[in-house]
Amino acid sequence: MRWKKILLHPRVILLAIVLLLVLVMINPKPGIEGAAIRQVTKASAAQLAGIASPSVHTPPTQREIVLAVDGRTVADAQEYTPQSLMSS
């Protein structure tokens, strides 16, 4: 009975809501991996394919994301480097 009283206290409920919101703000799209495109070189294959370079005001969650290259998934930016793509 005492735990129920503690858990239903308004401050505890407010703390739980704030913690949930913080988790959502840290990772607004859970489960989505890949490398966000920060810049597209002029006259590159990416630009010729129609990928536009995002503006400096574009938030990271609104940028194009590379999910796979040649059938290999890309989990983060470290996996999307010229050296890592040529090594395998």
PDB file of N, CA and C in Angstrom:
ATOM      1  N   MET A   1       0.824  -1.198   0.000  1.00  0.00           N
ATOM      2  CA  MET A   1       0.000   0.000   0.000  1.00  0.00           C
ATOM      3  C   MET A   1       0.860   1.250   0.000  1.00  0.00           C
ATOM      4  N   ARG A   2       1.978   1.198   0.737  1.00  0.00           N
ATOM      5  CA  ARG A   2       2.861   2.360   0.799  1.00  0.00           C
ATOM      6  C   ARG A   2       3.475   2.651  -0.570  1.00  0.00           C
ATOM      7  N   TRP A   3       3.867   1.582  -1.322  1.00  0.00           N
ATOM      8  CA  TRP A   3       4.457   1.781  -2.652  1.00  0.00           C
ATOM      9  C   TRP A   3       3.452   2.410  -3.608  1.00  0.00           C
ATOM     10  N   LYS A   4       2.216   2.010  -3.504  1.00  0.00           N
ATOM     11  CA  LYS A   4       1.183   2.573  -4.372  1.00  0.00           C
ATOM     12  C   LYS A   4       1.042   4.069  -4.115  1.00  0.00           C
ATOM     13  N   LYS A   5       1.092   4.453  -2.840  1.00  0.00           N
ATOM     14  CA  LYS A   5       0.986   5.865  -2.485  1.00  0.00           C
ATOM     15  C   LYS A   5       2.183   6.653  -3.034  1.00  0.00           C
ATOM     16  N   ILE A   6       3.374   6.046  -2.950  1.00  0.00           N
ATOM     17  CA  ILE A   6       4.583   6.721  -3.458  1.00  0.00           C
ATOM     18  C   ILE A   6       4.522   6.864  -4.974  1.00  0.00           C
ATOM     19  N   LEU A   7       4.151   5.791  -5.666  1.00  0.00           N
ATOM     20  CA  LEU A   7       4.127   5.820  -7.129  1.00  0.00           C
ATOM     21  C   LEU A   7       3.048   6.732  -7.699  1.00  0.00           C
ATOM     22  N   LEU A   8       1.992   6.956  -6.955  1.00  0.00           N
ATOM     23  CA  LEU A   8       0.915   7.822  -7.437  1.00  0.00           C
ATOM     24  C   LEU A   8       1.075   9.276  -6.988  1.00  0.00           C
ATOM     25  N   HIS A   9       2.184   9.575  -6.331  1.00  0.00           N
ATOM     26  CA  HIS A   9       2.449  10.945  -5.909  1.00  0.00           C
ATOM     27  C   HIS A   9       2.677  11.808  -7.163  1.00  0.00           C
ATOM     28  N   PRO A  10       2.131  13.017  -7.228  1.00  0.00           N
ATOM     29  CA  PRO A  10       2.267  13.862  -8.424  1.00  0.00           C
ATOM     30  C   PRO A  10       3.721  14.126  -8.838  1.00  0.00           C
ATOM     31  N   ARG A  11       4.617  14.260  -7.890  1.00  0.00           N
ATOM     32  CA  ARG A  11       6.018  14.505  -8.242  1.00  0.00           C
ATOM     33  C   ARG A  11       6.644  13.295  -8.917  1.00  0.00           C
ATOM     34  N   VAL A  12       6.307  12.121  -8.486  1.00  0.00           N
ATOM     35  CA  VAL A  12       6.840  10.899  -9.085  1.00  0.00           C
ATOM     36  C   VAL A  12       6.283  10.736 -10.505  1.00  0.00           C
ATOM     37  N   ILE A  13       5.009  11.021 -10.666  1.00  0.00           N
ATOM     38  CA  ILE A  13       4.394  10.952 -11.996  1.00  0.00           C
ATOM     39  C   ILE A  13       5.033  11.971 -12.919  1.00  0.00           C
ATOM     40  N   LEU A  14       5.261  13.186 -12.439  1.00  0.00           N
ATOM     41  CA  LEU A  14       5.919  14.215 -13.246  1.00  0.00           C
ATOM     42  C   LEU A  14       7.336  13.792 -13.618  1.00  0.00           C
ATOM     43  N   LEU A  15       8.071  13.218 -12.681  1.00  0.00           N
ATOM     44  CA  LEU A  15       9.422  12.737 -12.962  1.00  0.00           C
ATOM     45  C   LEU A  15       9.402  11.660 -14.043  1.00  0.00           C
ATOM     46  N   ALA A  16       8.462  10.739 -13.981  1.00  0.00           N
ATOM     47  CA  ALA A  16       8.356   9.677 -14.987  1.00  0.00           C
ATOM     48  C   ALA A  16       8.071  10.253 -16.366  1.00  0.00           C
ATOM     49  N   ILE A  17       7.199  11.251 -16.431  1.00  0.00           N
ATOM     50  CA  ILE A  17       6.873  11.893 -17.713  1.00  0.00           C
ATOM     51  C   ILE A  17       8.091  12.607 -18.273  1.00  0.00           C
ATOM     52  N   VAL A  18       8.812  13.338 -17.434  1.00  0.00           N
ATOM     53  CA  VAL A  18      10.000  14.065 -17.884  1.00  0.00           C
ATOM     54  C   VAL A  18      11.067  13.086 -18.373  1.00  0.00           C
ATOM     55  N   LEU A  19      11.288  11.994 -17.658  1.00  0.00           N
ATOM     56  CA  LEU A  19      12.273  10.998 -18.089  1.00  0.00           C
ATOM     57  C   LEU A  19      11.889  10.377 -19.429  1.00  0.00           C
ATOM     58  N   LEU A  20      10.619  10.109 -19.636  1.00  0.00           N
ATOM     59  CA  LEU A  20      10.160   9.570 -20.906  1.00  0.00           C
ATOM     60  C   LEU A  20      10.388  10.560 -22.043  1.00  0.00           C
ATOM     61  N   LEU A  21      10.093  11.830 -21.803  1.00  0.00           N
ATOM     62  CA  LEU A  21      10.324  12.853 -22.823  1.00  0.00           C
ATOM     63  C   LEU A  21      11.807  13.011 -23.150  1.00  0.00           C
ATOM     64  N   VAL A  22      12.659  12.917 -22.146  1.00  0.00           N
ATOM     65  CA  VAL A  22      14.102  13.010 -22.378  1.00  0.00           C
ATOM     66  C   VAL A  22      14.572  11.848 -23.249  1.00  0.00           C
ATOM     67  N   LEU A  23      14.074  10.652 -22.983  1.00  0.00           N
ATOM     68  CA  LEU A  23      14.449   9.503 -23.813  1.00  0.00           C
ATOM     69  C   LEU A  23      14.016   9.693 -25.261  1.00  0.00           C
ATOM     70  N   VAL A  24      12.848  10.246 -25.474  1.00  0.00           N
ATOM     71  CA  VAL A  24      12.367  10.491 -26.831  1.00  0.00           C
ATOM     72  C   VAL A  24      13.207  11.567 -27.509  1.00  0.00           C
ATOM     73  N   MET A  25      13.619  12.580 -26.768  1.00  0.00           N
ATOM     74  CA  MET A  25      14.433  13.650 -27.355  1.00  0.00           C
ATOM     75  C   MET A  25      15.837  13.167 -27.710  1.00  0.00           C
ATOM     76  N   ILE A  26      16.380  12.243 -26.924  1.00  0.00           N
ATOM     77  CA  ILE A  26      17.714  11.729 -27.208  1.00  0.00           C
ATOM     78  C   ILE A  26      17.699  10.905 -28.487  1.00  0.00           C
ATOM     79  N   ASN A  27      16.718  10.065 -28.662  1.00  0.00           N
ATOM     80  CA  ASN A  27      16.621   9.220 -29.848  1.00  0.00           C
ATOM     81  C   ASN A  27      15.187   9.272 -30.366  1.00  0.00           C
ATOM     82  N   PRO A  28      14.864  10.297 -31.184  1.00  0.00           N
ATOM     83  CA  PRO A  28      13.476  10.465 -31.615  1.00  0.00           C
ATOM     84  C   PRO A  28      12.977   9.373 -32.543  1.00  0.00           C
ATOM     85  N   LYS A  29      13.885   8.655 -33.213  1.00  0.00           N
ATOM     86  CA  LYS A  29      13.476   7.583 -34.119  1.00  0.00           C
ATOM     87  C   LYS A  29      14.214   6.309 -33.744  1.00  0.00           C
ATOM     88  N   PRO A  30      13.780   5.630 -32.697  1.00  0.00           N
ATOM     89  CA  PRO A  30      14.491   4.417 -32.298  1.00  0.00           C
ATOM     90  C   PRO A  30      14.391   3.332 -33.363  1.00  0.00           C
ATOM     91  N   GLY A  31      15.465   2.590 -33.516  1.00  0.00           N
ATOM     92  CA  GLY A  31      15.478   1.499 -34.479  1.00  0.00           C
ATOM     93  C   GLY A  31      15.967   1.890 -35.860  1.00  0.00           C
ATOM     94  N   ILE A  32      16.086   3.171 -36.139  1.00  0.00           N
ATOM     95  CA  ILE A  32      16.574   3.605 -37.437  1.00  0.00           C
ATOM     96  C   ILE A  32      18.079   3.814 -37.345  1.00  0.00           C
ATOM     97  N   GLU A  33      18.803   3.086 -38.169  1.00  0.00           N
ATOM     98  CA  GLU A  33      20.249   3.211 -38.201  1.00  0.00           C
ATOM     99  C   GLU A  33      20.654   3.764 -39.559  1.00  0.00           C
ATOM    100  N   GLY A  34      21.917   4.070 -39.702  1.00  0.00           N
ATOM    101  CA  GLY A  34      22.428   4.553 -40.966  1.00  0.00           C
ATOM    102  C   GLY A  34      23.295   5.774 -40.764  1.00  0.00           C
ATOM    103  N   ALA A  35      23.794   6.298 -41.867  1.00  0.00           N
ATOM    104  CA  ALA A  35      24.655   7.478 -41.841  1.00  0.00           C
ATOM    105  C   ALA A  35      23.903   8.649 -42.470  1.00  0.00           C
ATOM    106  N   ALA A  36      23.734   9.722 -41.719  1.00  0.00           N
ATOM    107  CA  ALA A  36      23.040  10.908 -42.235  1.00  0.00           C
ATOM    108  C   ALA A  36      23.952  11.645 -43.209  1.00  0.00           C
ATOM    109  N   ILE A  37      23.387  12.091 -44.304  1.00  0.00           N
ATOM    110  CA  ILE A  37      24.148  12.830 -45.315  1.00  0.00           C
ATOM    111  C   ILE A  37      24.253  14.277 -44.872  1.00  0.00           C
ATOM    112  N   ARG A  38      25.489  14.753 -44.707  1.00  0.00           N
ATOM    113  CA  ARG A  38      25.729  16.125 -44.272  1.00  0.00           C
ATOM    114  C   ARG A  38      26.040  17.043 -45.444  1.00  0.00           C
ATOM    115  N   GLN A  39      26.620  16.480 -46.514  1.00  0.00           N
ATOM    116  CA  GLN A  39      27.005  17.303 -47.658  1.00  0.00           C
ATOM    117  C   GLN A  39      27.076  16.423 -48.896  1.00  0.00           C
ATOM    118  N   VAL A  40      26.676  16.972 -50.034  1.00  0.00           N
ATOM    119  CA  VAL A  40      26.771  16.275 -51.311  1.00  0.00           C
ATOM    120  C   VAL A  40      27.684  17.103 -52.214  1.00  0.00           C
ATOM    121  N   THR A  41      28.735  16.479 -52.721  1.00  0.00           N
ATOM    122  CA  THR A  41      29.697  17.161 -53.585  1.00  0.00           C
ATOM    123  C   THR A  41      29.062  17.462 -54.932  1.00  0.00           C
ATOM    124  N   LYS A  42      29.337  18.654 -55.457  1.00  0.00           N
ATOM    125  CA  LYS A  42      28.796  19.057 -56.754  1.00  0.00           C
ATOM    126  C   LYS A  42      29.332  18.133 -57.843  1.00  0.00           C
ATOM    127  N   ALA A  43      28.463  17.779 -58.774  1.00  0.00           N
ATOM    128  CA  ALA A  43      28.762  16.929 -59.923  1.00  0.00           C
ATOM    129  C   ALA A  43      29.185  15.520 -59.505  1.00  0.00           C
ATOM    130  N   SER A  44      28.842  15.108 -58.305  1.00  0.00           N
ATOM    131  CA  SER A  44      29.146  13.748 -57.855  1.00  0.00           C
ATOM    132  C   SER A  44      28.031  12.812 -58.299  1.00  0.00           C
ATOM    133  N   ALA A  45      28.258  11.520 -58.150  1.00  0.00           N
ATOM    134  CA  ALA A  45      27.231  10.535 -58.510  1.00  0.00           C
ATOM    135  C   ALA A  45      25.975  10.734 -57.672  1.00  0.00           C
ATOM    136  N   ALA A  46      26.152  11.110 -56.414  1.00  0.00           N
ATOM    137  CA  ALA A  46      24.998  11.328 -55.542  1.00  0.00           C
ATOM    138  C   ALA A  46      24.157  12.511 -56.031  1.00  0.00           C
ATOM    139  N   GLN A  47      24.814  13.600 -56.406  1.00  0.00           N
ATOM    140  CA  GLN A  47      24.068  14.758 -56.879  1.00  0.00           C
ATOM    141  C   GLN A  47      23.397  14.451 -58.221  1.00  0.00           C
ATOM    142  N   LEU A  48      24.101  13.736 -59.089  1.00  0.00           N
ATOM    143  CA  LEU A  48      23.503  13.366 -60.375  1.00  0.00           C
ATOM    144  C   LEU A  48      22.318  12.418 -60.189  1.00  0.00           C
ATOM    145  N   ALA A  49      22.324  11.652 -59.101  1.00  0.00           N
ATOM    146  CA  ALA A  49      21.205  10.756 -58.808  1.00  0.00           C
ATOM    147  C   ALA A  49      20.029  11.496 -58.183  1.00  0.00           C
ATOM    148  N   GLY A  50      20.216  12.778 -57.842  1.00  0.00           N
ATOM    149  CA  GLY A  50      19.112  13.572 -57.318  1.00  0.00           C
ATOM    150  C   GLY A  50      19.139  13.818 -55.830  1.00  0.00           C
ATOM    151  N   ILE A  51      20.226  13.426 -55.154  1.00  0.00           N
ATOM    152  CA  ILE A  51      20.322  13.689 -53.720  1.00  0.00           C
ATOM    153  C   ILE A  51      20.817  15.115 -53.533  1.00  0.00           C
ATOM    154  N   ALA A  52      20.052  15.909 -52.820  1.00  0.00           N
ATOM    155  CA  ALA A  52      20.405  17.304 -52.590  1.00  0.00           C
ATOM    156  C   ALA A  52      21.202  17.452 -51.308  1.00  0.00           C
ATOM    157  N   SER A  53      22.099  18.399 -51.299  1.00  0.00           N
ATOM    158  CA  SER A  53      22.881  18.695 -50.101  1.00  0.00           C
ATOM    159  C   SER A  53      21.981  19.437 -49.120  1.00  0.00           C
ATOM    160  N   PRO A  54      21.873  18.951 -47.883  1.00  0.00           N
ATOM    161  CA  PRO A  54      20.986  19.626 -46.929  1.00  0.00           C
ATOM    162  C   PRO A  54      21.551  20.986 -46.508  1.00  0.00           C
ATOM    163  N   SER A  55      20.663  21.887 -46.164  1.00  0.00           N
ATOM    164  CA  SER A  55      21.125  23.195 -45.696  1.00  0.00           C
ATOM    165  C   SER A  55      21.668  23.066 -44.278  1.00  0.00           C
ATOM    166  N   VAL A  56      22.379  24.088 -43.827  1.00  0.00           N
ATOM    167  CA  VAL A  56      22.962  24.056 -42.489  1.00  0.00           C
ATOM    168  C   VAL A  56      21.873  24.095 -41.410  1.00  0.00           C
ATOM    169  N   HIS A  57      20.685  24.520 -41.776  1.00  0.00           N
ATOM    170  CA  HIS A  57      19.589  24.624 -40.809  1.00  0.00           C
ATOM    171  C   HIS A  57      18.740  23.353 -40.746  1.00  0.00           C
ATOM    172  N   THR A  58      19.048  22.359 -41.578  1.00  0.00           N
ATOM    173  CA  THR A  58      18.296  21.117 -41.583  1.00  0.00           C
ATOM    174  C   THR A  58      18.683  20.284 -40.358  1.00  0.00           C
ATOM    175  N   PRO A  59      17.724  19.931 -39.525  1.00  0.00           N
ATOM    176  CA  PRO A  59      18.058  19.108 -38.346  1.00  0.00           C
ATOM    177  C   PRO A  59      18.481  17.710 -38.782  1.00  0.00           C
ATOM    178  N   PRO A  60      19.318  17.043 -37.991  1.00  0.00           N
ATOM    179  CA  PRO A  60      19.798  15.709 -38.360  1.00  0.00           C
ATOM    180  C   PRO A  60      18.686  14.696 -38.605  1.00  0.00           C
ATOM    181  N   THR A  61      17.557  14.842 -37.939  1.00  0.00           N
ATOM    182  CA  THR A  61      16.469  13.879 -38.128  1.00  0.00           C
ATOM    183  C   THR A  61      15.748  14.061 -39.459  1.00  0.00           C
ATOM    184  N   GLN A  62      15.993  15.167 -40.153  1.00  0.00           N
ATOM    185  CA  GLN A  62      15.338  15.436 -41.429  1.00  0.00           C
ATOM    186  C   GLN A  62      16.250  15.202 -42.629  1.00  0.00           C
ATOM    187  N   ARG A  63      17.481  14.765 -42.406  1.00  0.00           N
ATOM    188  CA  ARG A  63      18.433  14.550 -43.498  1.00  0.00           C
ATOM    189  C   ARG A  63      18.233  13.178 -44.131  1.00  0.00           C
ATOM    190  N   GLU A  64      18.717  13.057 -45.378  1.00  0.00           N
ATOM    191  CA  GLU A  64      18.717  11.756 -46.033  1.00  0.00           C
ATOM    192  C   GLU A  64      19.646  10.825 -45.270  1.00  0.00           C
ATOM    193  N   ILE A  65      19.304   9.544 -45.200  1.00  0.00           N
ATOM    194  CA  ILE A  65      20.106   8.580 -44.454  1.00  0.00           C
ATOM    195  C   ILE A  65      20.483   7.423 -45.370  1.00  0.00           C
ATOM    196  N   VAL A  66      21.775   7.073 -45.377  1.00  0.00           N
ATOM    197  CA  VAL A  66      22.264   5.924 -46.129  1.00  0.00           C
ATOM    198  C   VAL A  66      22.058   4.697 -45.254  1.00  0.00           C
ATOM    199  N   LEU A  67      21.253   3.752 -45.731  1.00  0.00           N
ATOM    200  CA  LEU A  67      20.970   2.542 -44.964  1.00  0.00           C
ATOM    201  C   LEU A  67      21.812   1.355 -45.412  1.00  0.00           C
ATOM    202  N   ALA A  68      22.186   1.315 -46.705  1.00  0.00           N
ATOM    203  CA  ALA A  68      22.965   0.195 -47.231  1.00  0.00           C
ATOM    204  C   ALA A  68      23.757   0.649 -48.445  1.00  0.00           C
ATOM    205  N   VAL A  69      24.912   0.004 -48.659  1.00  0.00           N
ATOM    206  CA  VAL A  69      25.751   0.246 -49.834  1.00  0.00           C
ATOM    207  C   VAL A  69      26.118  -1.118 -50.404  1.00  0.00           C
ATOM    208  N   ASP A  70      25.790  -1.336 -51.666  1.00  0.00           N
ATOM    209  CA  ASP A  70      26.067  -2.614 -52.336  1.00  0.00           C
ATOM    210  C   ASP A  70      25.530  -3.804 -51.545  1.00  0.00           C
ATOM    211  N   GLY A  71      24.367  -3.663 -50.958  1.00  0.00           N
ATOM    212  CA  GLY A  71      23.738  -4.751 -50.229  1.00  0.00           C
ATOM    213  C   GLY A  71      24.212  -4.924 -48.788  1.00  0.00           C
ATOM    214  N   ARG A  72      25.209  -4.155 -48.362  1.00  0.00           N
ATOM    215  CA  ARG A  72      25.703  -4.234 -46.978  1.00  0.00           C
ATOM    216  C   ARG A  72      25.068  -3.109 -46.179  1.00  0.00           C
ATOM    217  N   THR A  73      24.506  -3.451 -45.027  1.00  0.00           N
ATOM    218  CA  THR A  73      23.865  -2.429 -44.207  1.00  0.00           C
ATOM    219  C   THR A  73      24.906  -1.505 -43.586  1.00  0.00           C
ATOM    220  N   VAL A  74      24.500  -0.269 -43.394  1.00  0.00           N
ATOM    221  CA  VAL A  74      25.344   0.750 -42.774  1.00  0.00           C
ATOM    222  C   VAL A  74      24.675   1.140 -41.463  1.00  0.00           C
ATOM    223  N   ALA A  75      25.329   0.834 -40.342  1.00  0.00           N
ATOM    224  CA  ALA A  75      24.744   1.111 -39.033  1.00  0.00           C
ATOM    225  C   ALA A  75      25.020   2.529 -38.570  1.00  0.00           C
ATOM    226  N   ASP A  76      26.194   3.067 -38.917  1.00  0.00           N
ATOM    227  CA  ASP A  76      26.549   4.416 -38.482  1.00  0.00           C
ATOM    228  C   ASP A  76      27.571   5.014 -39.439  1.00  0.00           C
ATOM    229  N   ALA A  77      27.993   6.236 -39.155  1.00  0.00           N
ATOM    230  CA  ALA A  77      28.907   6.948 -40.045  1.00  0.00           C
ATOM    231  C   ALA A  77      30.268   6.270 -40.145  1.00  0.00           C
ATOM    232  N   GLN A  78      30.720   5.582 -39.099  1.00  0.00           N
ATOM    233  CA  GLN A  78      32.018   4.905 -39.143  1.00  0.00           C
ATOM    234  C   GLN A  78      32.017   3.767 -40.160  1.00  0.00           C
ATOM    235  N   GLU A  79      30.884   3.165 -40.402  1.00  0.00           N
ATOM    236  CA  GLU A  79      30.794   2.095 -41.389  1.00  0.00           C
ATOM    237  C   GLU A  79      30.664   2.641 -42.809  1.00  0.00           C
ATOM    238  N   TYR A  80      30.454   3.933 -42.954  1.00  0.00           N
ATOM    239  CA  TYR A  80      30.268   4.547 -44.268  1.00  0.00           C
ATOM    240  C   TYR A  80      31.461   5.439 -44.608  1.00  0.00           C
ATOM    241  N   THR A  81      32.616   4.844 -44.701  1.00  0.00           N
ATOM    242  CA  THR A  81      33.829   5.553 -45.110  1.00  0.00           C
ATOM    243  C   THR A  81      34.395   4.850 -46.336  1.00  0.00           C
ATOM    244  N   PRO A  82      35.133   5.559 -47.177  1.00  0.00           N
ATOM    245  CA  PRO A  82      35.710   4.910 -48.360  1.00  0.00           C
ATOM    246  C   PRO A  82      36.561   3.683 -48.020  1.00  0.00           C
ATOM    247  N   GLN A  83      37.305   3.747 -46.912  1.00  0.00           N
ATOM    248  CA  GLN A  83      38.155   2.620 -46.536  1.00  0.00           C
ATOM    249  C   GLN A  83      37.314   1.392 -46.169  1.00  0.00           C
ATOM    250  N   SER A  84      36.260   1.601 -45.416  1.00  0.00           N
ATOM    251  CA  SER A  84      35.432   0.459 -45.003  1.00  0.00           C
ATOM    252  C   SER A  84      34.647  -0.110 -46.171  1.00  0.00           C
ATOM    253  N   LEU A  85      34.284   0.722 -47.139  1.00  0.00           N
ATOM    254  CA  LEU A  85      33.525   0.224 -48.283  1.00  0.00           C
ATOM    255  C   LEU A  85      34.414  -0.557 -49.237  1.00  0.00           C
ATOM    256  N   MET A  86      35.708  -0.197 -49.340  1.00  0.00           N
ATOM    257  CA  MET A  86      36.604  -0.894 -50.250  1.00  0.00           C
ATOM    258  C   MET A  86      37.212  -2.149 -49.619  1.00  0.00           C
ATOM    259  N   SER A  87      37.215  -2.236 -48.288  1.00  0.00           N
ATOM    260  CA  SER A  87      37.894  -3.342 -47.627  1.00  0.00           C
ATOM    261  C   SER A  87      37.197  -4.684 -47.800  1.00  0.00           C
ATOM    262  N   SER A  88      35.912  -4.682 -48.017  1.00  0.00           N
ATOM    263  CA  SER A  88      35.250  -5.984 -48.151  1.00  0.00           C
ATOM    264  C   SER A  88      34.611  -6.171 -49.495  1.00  0.00           C
TER     265      SER A  88
END
